[in-house]
Structures are given as C-alpha cells and as structure tokens.
Amino acid sequence: MSGGSAFTTFNLSPDDVCLNGVACPLKAGQTYEYVQSVEIADTYPVVDDVQVNWALTDADESTKEVCIVFLAKVIE
C-alpha cells in the first residue's frame, strides 16, 4: 500500500508566545526559549517521518518571523 500526504492544523493554546513564558517585546541579539506541546489523540495513526511545519508569526499574522521544518514520529 503506498502512502499519500495529508495536512492538518493543530490549535495551540496559548497561541501567543508572549503568553507562554517569553518576555515580550522580543529584542534582537537575545536568546529565548519557547516551549509548546501538542496533544496527540489516540485516534492518530502510528507513523514514521511526519513532516512538521511550524511558523511563528507577528501579532497580526502578516509576517512569518520564524519557520521550522522537521521530521517527527507518532508512536504508541
């Protein structure tokens, strides 16, 4: 059986970095640590090599400030 592609959006809470332990406004040249978890429902299939696309945008969501792409696995 060959695989295909599927896209889904996960709602993050809180979705505002400034409400999630990061001191805002951000300043150039500073290092920040941002931690966010995503709930994986029992109904999600166990799969290898899931491409995760993560973007942090400005307040009005018009500009992507940081984009991260990485591979992940959904395991039992």
PDB file of N, CA and C in Angstrom:
ATOM      1  N   MET A   1       0.858  -1.175   0.000  1.00  0.00           N
ATOM      2  CA  MET A   1       0.000   0.000   0.000  1.00  0.00           C
ATOM      3  C   MET A   1       0.901   1.233   0.000  1.00  0.00           C
ATOM      4  N   SER A   2       0.694   2.119  -0.911  1.00  0.00           N
ATOM      5  CA  SER A   2       1.506   3.336  -0.954  1.00  0.00           C
ATOM      6  C   SER A   2       0.854   4.429  -0.140  1.00  0.00           C
ATOM      7  N   GLY A   3       1.692   5.290   0.408  1.00  0.00           N
ATOM      8  CA  GLY A   3       1.198   6.371   1.255  1.00  0.00           C
ATOM      9  C   GLY A   3       0.927   7.623   0.456  1.00  0.00           C
ATOM     10  N   GLY A   4       0.229   8.518   1.063  1.00  0.00           N
ATOM     11  CA  GLY A   4      -0.062   9.800   0.449  1.00  0.00           C
ATOM     12  C   GLY A   4       0.279  10.899   1.419  1.00  0.00           C
ATOM     13  N   SER A   5      -0.192  12.050   1.135  1.00  0.00           N
ATOM     14  CA  SER A   5       0.055  13.197   2.005  1.00  0.00           C
ATOM     15  C   SER A   5      -1.253  13.689   2.583  1.00  0.00           C
ATOM     16  N   ALA A   6      -1.182  14.167   3.789  1.00  0.00           N
ATOM     17  CA  ALA A   6      -2.341  14.778   4.435  1.00  0.00           C
ATOM     18  C   ALA A   6      -1.845  15.931   5.284  1.00  0.00           C
ATOM     19  N   PHE A   7      -2.611  16.975   5.337  1.00  0.00           N
ATOM     20  CA  PHE A   7      -2.257  18.138   6.136  1.00  0.00           C
ATOM     21  C   PHE A   7      -3.325  18.349   7.196  1.00  0.00           C
ATOM     22  N   THR A   8      -2.888  18.744   8.367  1.00  0.00           N
ATOM     23  CA  THR A   8      -3.828  19.093   9.420  1.00  0.00           C
ATOM     24  C   THR A   8      -3.259  20.260  10.208  1.00  0.00           C
ATOM     25  N   THR A   9      -4.125  21.006  10.827  1.00  0.00           N
ATOM     26  CA  THR A   9      -3.724  22.134  11.658  1.00  0.00           C
ATOM     27  C   THR A   9      -4.010  21.790  13.112  1.00  0.00           C
ATOM     28  N   PHE A  10      -3.048  22.046  13.967  1.00  0.00           N
ATOM     29  CA  PHE A  10      -3.228  21.836  15.396  1.00  0.00           C
ATOM     30  C   PHE A  10      -3.406  23.191  16.056  1.00  0.00           C
ATOM     31  N   ASN A  11      -4.431  23.304  16.871  1.00  0.00           N
ATOM     32  CA  ASN A  11      -4.642  24.537  17.615  1.00  0.00           C
ATOM     33  C   ASN A  11      -3.797  24.495  18.879  1.00  0.00           C
ATOM     34  N   LEU A  12      -2.943  25.479  19.027  1.00  0.00           N
ATOM     35  CA  LEU A  12      -2.060  25.559  20.180  1.00  0.00           C
ATOM     36  C   LEU A  12      -2.650  26.518  21.195  1.00  0.00           C
ATOM     37  N   SER A  13      -2.510  26.168  22.457  1.00  0.00           N
ATOM     38  CA  SER A  13      -3.056  27.031  23.491  1.00  0.00           C
ATOM     39  C   SER A  13      -2.032  27.185  24.605  1.00  0.00           C
ATOM     40  N   PRO A  14      -1.631  28.393  24.956  1.00  0.00           N
ATOM     41  CA  PRO A  14      -1.987  29.621  24.244  1.00  0.00           C
ATOM     42  C   PRO A  14      -1.203  29.718  22.942  1.00  0.00           C
ATOM     43  N   ASP A  15      -1.777  30.407  21.964  1.00  0.00           N
ATOM     44  CA  ASP A  15      -1.090  30.525  20.678  1.00  0.00           C
ATOM     45  C   ASP A  15      -0.269  31.806  20.582  1.00  0.00           C
ATOM     46  N   ASP A  16      -0.177  32.534  21.675  1.00  0.00           N
ATOM     47  CA  ASP A  16       0.604  33.769  21.729  1.00  0.00           C
ATOM     48  C   ASP A  16       1.883  33.502  22.520  1.00  0.00           C
ATOM     49  N   VAL A  17       3.032  33.619  21.861  1.00  0.00           N
ATOM     50  CA  VAL A  17       4.322  33.376  22.516  1.00  0.00           C
ATOM     51  C   VAL A  17       4.460  34.222  23.775  1.00  0.00           C
ATOM     52  N   CYS A  18       3.968  35.449  23.733  1.00  0.00           N
ATOM     53  CA  CYS A  18       4.105  36.370  24.870  1.00  0.00           C
ATOM     54  C   CYS A  18       3.273  35.931  26.072  1.00  0.00           C
ATOM     55  N   LEU A  19       2.311  35.031  25.858  1.00  0.00           N
ATOM     56  CA  LEU A  19       1.507  34.497  26.957  1.00  0.00           C
ATOM     57  C   LEU A  19       1.986  33.107  27.372  1.00  0.00           C
ATOM     58  N   ASN A  20       3.124  32.698  26.832  1.00  0.00           N
ATOM     59  CA  ASN A  20       3.615  31.348  27.070  1.00  0.00           C
ATOM     60  C   ASN A  20       5.045  31.354  27.601  1.00  0.00           C
ATOM     61  N   GLY A  21       5.348  32.303  28.481  1.00  0.00           N
ATOM     62  CA  GLY A  21       6.632  32.303  29.168  1.00  0.00           C
ATOM     63  C   GLY A  21       7.756  33.063  28.498  1.00  0.00           C
ATOM     64  N   VAL A  22       7.487  33.770  27.408  1.00  0.00           N
ATOM     65  CA  VAL A  22       8.515  34.552  26.728  1.00  0.00           C
ATOM     66  C   VAL A  22       8.262  36.028  27.014  1.00  0.00           C
ATOM     67  N   ALA A  23       9.309  36.735  27.442  1.00  0.00           N
ATOM     68  CA  ALA A  23       9.182  38.163  27.750  1.00  0.00           C
ATOM     69  C   ALA A  23       9.141  38.966  26.451  1.00  0.00           C
ATOM     70  N   CYS A  24       8.063  39.675  26.243  1.00  0.00           N
ATOM     71  CA  CYS A  24       7.894  40.480  25.030  1.00  0.00           C
ATOM     72  C   CYS A  24       7.962  41.958  25.381  1.00  0.00           C
ATOM     73  N   PRO A  25       8.360  42.817  24.467  1.00  0.00           N
ATOM     74  CA  PRO A  25       8.697  42.502  23.078  1.00  0.00           C
ATOM     75  C   PRO A  25      10.061  41.824  22.983  1.00  0.00           C
ATOM     76  N   LEU A  26      10.222  40.999  21.936  1.00  0.00           N
ATOM     77  CA  LEU A  26      11.494  40.331  21.702  1.00  0.00           C
ATOM     78  C   LEU A  26      12.523  41.348  21.241  1.00  0.00           C
ATOM     79  N   LYS A  27      13.772  41.123  21.633  1.00  0.00           N
ATOM     80  CA  LYS A  27      14.846  42.050  21.280  1.00  0.00           C
ATOM     81  C   LYS A  27      15.892  41.328  20.442  1.00  0.00           C
ATOM     82  N   ALA A  28      16.354  41.978  19.388  1.00  0.00           N
ATOM     83  CA  ALA A  28      17.384  41.408  18.520  1.00  0.00           C
ATOM     84  C   ALA A  28      18.634  41.099  19.331  1.00  0.00           C
ATOM     85  N   GLY A  29      19.276  39.983  19.024  1.00  0.00           N
ATOM     86  CA  GLY A  29      20.515  39.607  19.693  1.00  0.00           C
ATOM     87  C   GLY A  29      20.318  38.831  20.980  1.00  0.00           C
ATOM     88  N   GLN A  30      19.092  38.715  21.454  1.00  0.00           N
ATOM     89  CA  GLN A  30      18.801  37.965  22.678  1.00  0.00           C
ATOM     90  C   GLN A  30      18.451  36.527  22.324  1.00  0.00           C
ATOM     91  N   THR A  31      18.670  35.619  23.269  1.00  0.00           N
ATOM     92  CA  THR A  31      18.287  34.222  23.109  1.00  0.00           C
ATOM     93  C   THR A  31      17.034  33.976  23.931  1.00  0.00           C
ATOM     94  N   TYR A  32      16.060  33.299  23.332  1.00  0.00           N
ATOM     95  CA  TYR A  32      14.803  32.999  24.003  1.00  0.00           C
ATOM     96  C   TYR A  32      14.532  31.508  23.921  1.00  0.00           C
ATOM     97  N   GLU A  33      13.829  30.990  24.914  1.00  0.00           N
ATOM     98  CA  GLU A  33      13.401  29.597  24.894  1.00  0.00           C
ATOM     99  C   GLU A  33      11.883  29.573  24.872  1.00  0.00           C
ATOM    100  N   TYR A  34      11.348  28.906  23.880  1.00  0.00           N
ATOM    101  CA  TYR A  34       9.894  28.786  23.710  1.00  0.00           C
ATOM    102  C   TYR A  34       9.547  27.307  23.742  1.00  0.00           C
ATOM    103  N   VAL A  35       8.642  26.922  24.623  1.00  0.00           N
ATOM    104  CA  VAL A  35       8.238  25.531  24.756  1.00  0.00           C
ATOM    105  C   VAL A  35       6.742  25.447  24.487  1.00  0.00           C
ATOM    106  N   GLN A  36       6.356  24.514  23.629  1.00  0.00           N
ATOM    107  CA  GLN A  36       4.941  24.333  23.301  1.00  0.00           C
ATOM    108  C   GLN A  36       4.695  22.845  23.123  1.00  0.00           C
ATOM    109  N   SER A  37       3.599  22.362  23.646  1.00  0.00           N
ATOM    110  CA  SER A  37       3.261  20.952  23.465  1.00  0.00           C
ATOM    111  C   SER A  37       2.054  20.841  22.538  1.00  0.00           C
ATOM    112  N   VAL A  38       1.925  19.673  21.948  1.00  0.00           N
ATOM    113  CA  VAL A  38       0.816  19.390  21.043  1.00  0.00           C
ATOM    114  C   VAL A  38       0.181  18.090  21.500  1.00  0.00           C
ATOM    115  N   GLU A  39      -1.123  18.100  21.684  1.00  0.00           N
ATOM    116  CA  GLU A  39      -1.817  16.883  22.090  1.00  0.00           C
ATOM    117  C   GLU A  39      -1.924  15.936  20.901  1.00  0.00           C
ATOM    118  N   ILE A  40      -1.511  14.699  21.105  1.00  0.00           N
ATOM    119  CA  ILE A  40      -1.636  13.663  20.089  1.00  0.00           C
ATOM    120  C   ILE A  40      -2.773  12.743  20.525  1.00  0.00           C
ATOM    121  N   ALA A  41      -3.864  12.769  19.788  1.00  0.00           N
ATOM    122  CA  ALA A  41      -5.052  11.990  20.141  1.00  0.00           C
ATOM    123  C   ALA A  41      -4.816  10.501  19.900  1.00  0.00           C
ATOM    124  N   ASP A  42      -5.517   9.665  20.651  1.00  0.00           N
ATOM    125  CA  ASP A  42      -5.419   8.215  20.483  1.00  0.00           C
ATOM    126  C   ASP A  42      -5.840   7.774  19.086  1.00  0.00           C
ATOM    127  N   THR A  43      -6.630   8.578  18.414  1.00  0.00           N
ATOM    128  CA  THR A  43      -7.128   8.215  17.086  1.00  0.00           C
ATOM    129  C   THR A  43      -6.108   8.453  15.975  1.00  0.00           C
ATOM    130  N   TYR A  44      -5.007   9.143  16.275  1.00  0.00           N
ATOM    131  CA  TYR A  44      -3.988   9.386  15.252  1.00  0.00           C
ATOM    132  C   TYR A  44      -3.254   8.084  14.952  1.00  0.00           C
ATOM    133  N   PRO A  45      -2.956   7.818  13.694  1.00  0.00           N
ATOM    134  CA  PRO A  45      -2.236   6.584  13.366  1.00  0.00           C
ATOM    135  C   PRO A  45      -0.769   6.665  13.787  1.00  0.00           C
ATOM    136  N   VAL A  46      -0.190   5.506  14.077  1.00  0.00           N
ATOM    137  CA  VAL A  46       1.239   5.420  14.368  1.00  0.00           C
ATOM    138  C   VAL A  46       1.964   5.505  13.026  1.00  0.00           C
ATOM    139  N   VAL A  47       2.813   6.507  12.856  1.00  0.00           N
ATOM    140  CA  VAL A  47       3.510   6.706  11.581  1.00  0.00           C
ATOM    141  C   VAL A  47       4.931   7.198  11.828  1.00  0.00           C
ATOM    142  N   ASP A  48       5.798   6.916  10.869  1.00  0.00           N
ATOM    143  CA  ASP A  48       7.162   7.442  10.863  1.00  0.00           C
ATOM    144  C   ASP A  48       7.226   8.613   9.892  1.00  0.00           C
ATOM    145  N   ASP A  49       8.213   9.439  10.082  1.00  0.00           N
ATOM    146  CA  ASP A  49       8.511  10.518   9.139  1.00  0.00           C
ATOM    147  C   ASP A  49       7.330  11.439   8.846  1.00  0.00           C
ATOM    148  N   VAL A  50       6.794  12.016   9.883  1.00  0.00           N
ATOM    149  CA  VAL A  50       5.771  13.050   9.736  1.00  0.00           C
ATOM    150  C   VAL A  50       6.496  14.383   9.614  1.00  0.00           C
ATOM    151  N   GLN A  51       6.229  15.121   8.552  1.00  0.00           N
ATOM    152  CA  GLN A  51       6.857  16.439   8.409  1.00  0.00           C
ATOM    153  C   GLN A  51       6.049  17.457   9.193  1.00  0.00           C
ATOM    154  N   VAL A  52       6.718  18.133  10.107  1.00  0.00           N
ATOM    155  CA  VAL A  52       6.090  19.174  10.920  1.00  0.00           C
ATOM    156  C   VAL A  52       6.572  20.525  10.402  1.00  0.00           C
ATOM    157  N   ASN A  53       5.632  21.389  10.070  1.00  0.00           N
ATOM    158  CA  ASN A  53       5.931  22.760   9.643  1.00  0.00           C
ATOM    159  C   ASN A  53       5.422  23.687  10.738  1.00  0.00           C
ATOM    160  N   TRP A  54       6.316  24.427  11.354  1.00  0.00           N
ATOM    161  CA  TRP A  54       5.959  25.284  12.479  1.00  0.00           C
ATOM    162  C   TRP A  54       6.377  26.695  12.139  1.00  0.00           C
ATOM    163  N   ALA A  55       5.447  27.628  12.263  1.00  0.00           N
ATOM    164  CA  ALA A  55       5.768  29.027  11.961  1.00  0.00           C
ATOM    165  C   ALA A  55       5.301  29.918  13.098  1.00  0.00           C
ATOM    166  N   LEU A  56       6.158  30.837  13.490  1.00  0.00           N
ATOM    167  CA  LEU A  56       5.782  31.882  14.439  1.00  0.00           C
ATOM    168  C   LEU A  56       5.605  33.157  13.628  1.00  0.00           C
ATOM    169  N   THR A  57       4.458  33.792  13.795  1.00  0.00           N
ATOM    170  CA  THR A  57       4.158  34.997  13.024  1.00  0.00           C
ATOM    171  C   THR A  57       4.079  36.198  13.938  1.00  0.00           C
ATOM    172  N   ASP A  58       4.074  37.379  13.335  1.00  0.00           N
ATOM    173  CA  ASP A  58       3.905  38.587  14.128  1.00  0.00           C
ATOM    174  C   ASP A  58       2.459  38.671  14.619  1.00  0.00           C
ATOM    175  N   ALA A  59       2.158  39.685  15.406  1.00  0.00           N
ATOM    176  CA  ALA A  59       0.860  39.785  16.079  1.00  0.00           C
ATOM    177  C   ALA A  59      -0.325  39.755  15.120  1.00  0.00           C
ATOM    178  N   ASP A  60      -0.194  40.376  13.954  1.00  0.00           N
ATOM    179  CA  ASP A  60      -1.328  40.377  13.022  1.00  0.00           C
ATOM    180  C   ASP A  60      -1.227  39.253  11.987  1.00  0.00           C
ATOM    181  N   GLU A  61      -0.295  38.324  12.205  1.00  0.00           N
ATOM    182  CA  GLU A  61      -0.100  37.137  11.372  1.00  0.00           C
ATOM    183  C   GLU A  61       0.216  37.463   9.915  1.00  0.00           C
ATOM    184  N   SER A  62       0.760  38.644   9.657  1.00  0.00           N
ATOM    185  CA  SER A  62       1.083  39.025   8.286  1.00  0.00           C
ATOM    186  C   SER A  62       2.519  38.670   7.906  1.00  0.00           C
ATOM    187  N   THR A  63       3.380  38.474   8.907  1.00  0.00           N
ATOM    188  CA  THR A  63       4.790  38.189   8.635  1.00  0.00           C
ATOM    189  C   THR A  63       5.238  36.974   9.431  1.00  0.00           C
ATOM    190  N   LYS A  64       5.822  35.994   8.739  1.00  0.00           N
ATOM    191  CA  LYS A  64       6.409  34.846   9.429  1.00  0.00           C
ATOM    192  C   LYS A  64       7.768  35.263   9.952  1.00  0.00           C
ATOM    193  N   GLU A  65       7.931  35.213  11.271  1.00  0.00           N
ATOM    194  CA  GLU A  65       9.185  35.604  11.908  1.00  0.00           C
ATOM    195  C   GLU A  65      10.163  34.440  11.991  1.00  0.00           C
ATOM    196  N   VAL A  66       9.644  33.242  12.247  1.00  0.00           N
ATOM    197  CA  VAL A  66      10.470  32.044  12.361  1.00  0.00           C
ATOM    198  C   VAL A  66       9.720  30.892  11.706  1.00  0.00           C
ATOM    199  N   CYS A  67      10.388  30.131  10.870  1.00  0.00           N
ATOM    200  CA  CYS A  67       9.814  28.923  10.273  1.00  0.00           C
ATOM    201  C   CYS A  67      10.744  27.755  10.573  1.00  0.00           C
ATOM    202  N   ILE A  68      10.164  26.669  11.045  1.00  0.00           N
ATOM    203  CA  ILE A  68      10.937  25.476  11.379  1.00  0.00           C
ATOM    204  C   ILE A  68      10.261  24.290  10.700  1.00  0.00           C
ATOM    205  N   VAL A  69      11.035  23.451  10.043  1.00  0.00           N
ATOM    206  CA  VAL A  69      10.531  22.230   9.431  1.00  0.00           C
ATOM    207  C   VAL A  69      11.382  21.079   9.956  1.00  0.00           C
ATOM    208  N   PHE A  70      10.718  20.035  10.485  1.00  0.00           N
ATOM    209  CA  PHE A  70      11.465  18.882  10.991  1.00  0.00           C
ATOM    210  C   PHE A  70      10.625  17.627  10.854  1.00  0.00           C
ATOM    211  N   LEU A  71      11.278  16.475  10.937  1.00  0.00           N
ATOM    212  CA  LEU A  71      10.586  15.194  10.882  1.00  0.00           C
ATOM    213  C   LEU A  71      10.312  14.698  12.291  1.00  0.00           C
ATOM    214  N   ALA A  72       9.156  14.063  12.460  1.00  0.00           N
ATOM    215  CA  ALA A  72       8.759  13.518  13.754  1.00  0.00           C
ATOM    216  C   ALA A  72       8.129  12.145  13.529  1.00  0.00           C
ATOM    217  N   LYS A  73       7.868  11.444  14.622  1.00  0.00           N
ATOM    218  CA  LYS A  73       7.184  10.157  14.577  1.00  0.00           C
ATOM    219  C   LYS A  73       6.010  10.215  15.533  1.00  0.00           C
ATOM    220  N   VAL A  74       4.925   9.536  15.187  1.00  0.00           N
ATOM    221  CA  VAL A  74       3.816   9.325  16.112  1.00  0.00           C
ATOM    222  C   VAL A  74       3.950   7.879  16.564  1.00  0.00           C
ATOM    223  N   ILE A  75       4.191   7.686  17.873  1.00  0.00           N
ATOM    224  CA  ILE A  75       4.416   6.345  18.409  1.00  0.00           C
ATOM    225  C   ILE A  75       3.382   6.041  19.476  1.00  0.00           C
ATOM    226  N   GLU A  76       3.281   4.765  19.829  1.00  0.00           N
ATOM    227  CA  GLU A  76       2.338   4.372  20.884  1.00  0.00           C
ATOM    228  C   GLU A  76       2.880   4.746  22.228  1.00  0.00           C
TER     229      GLU A  76
END
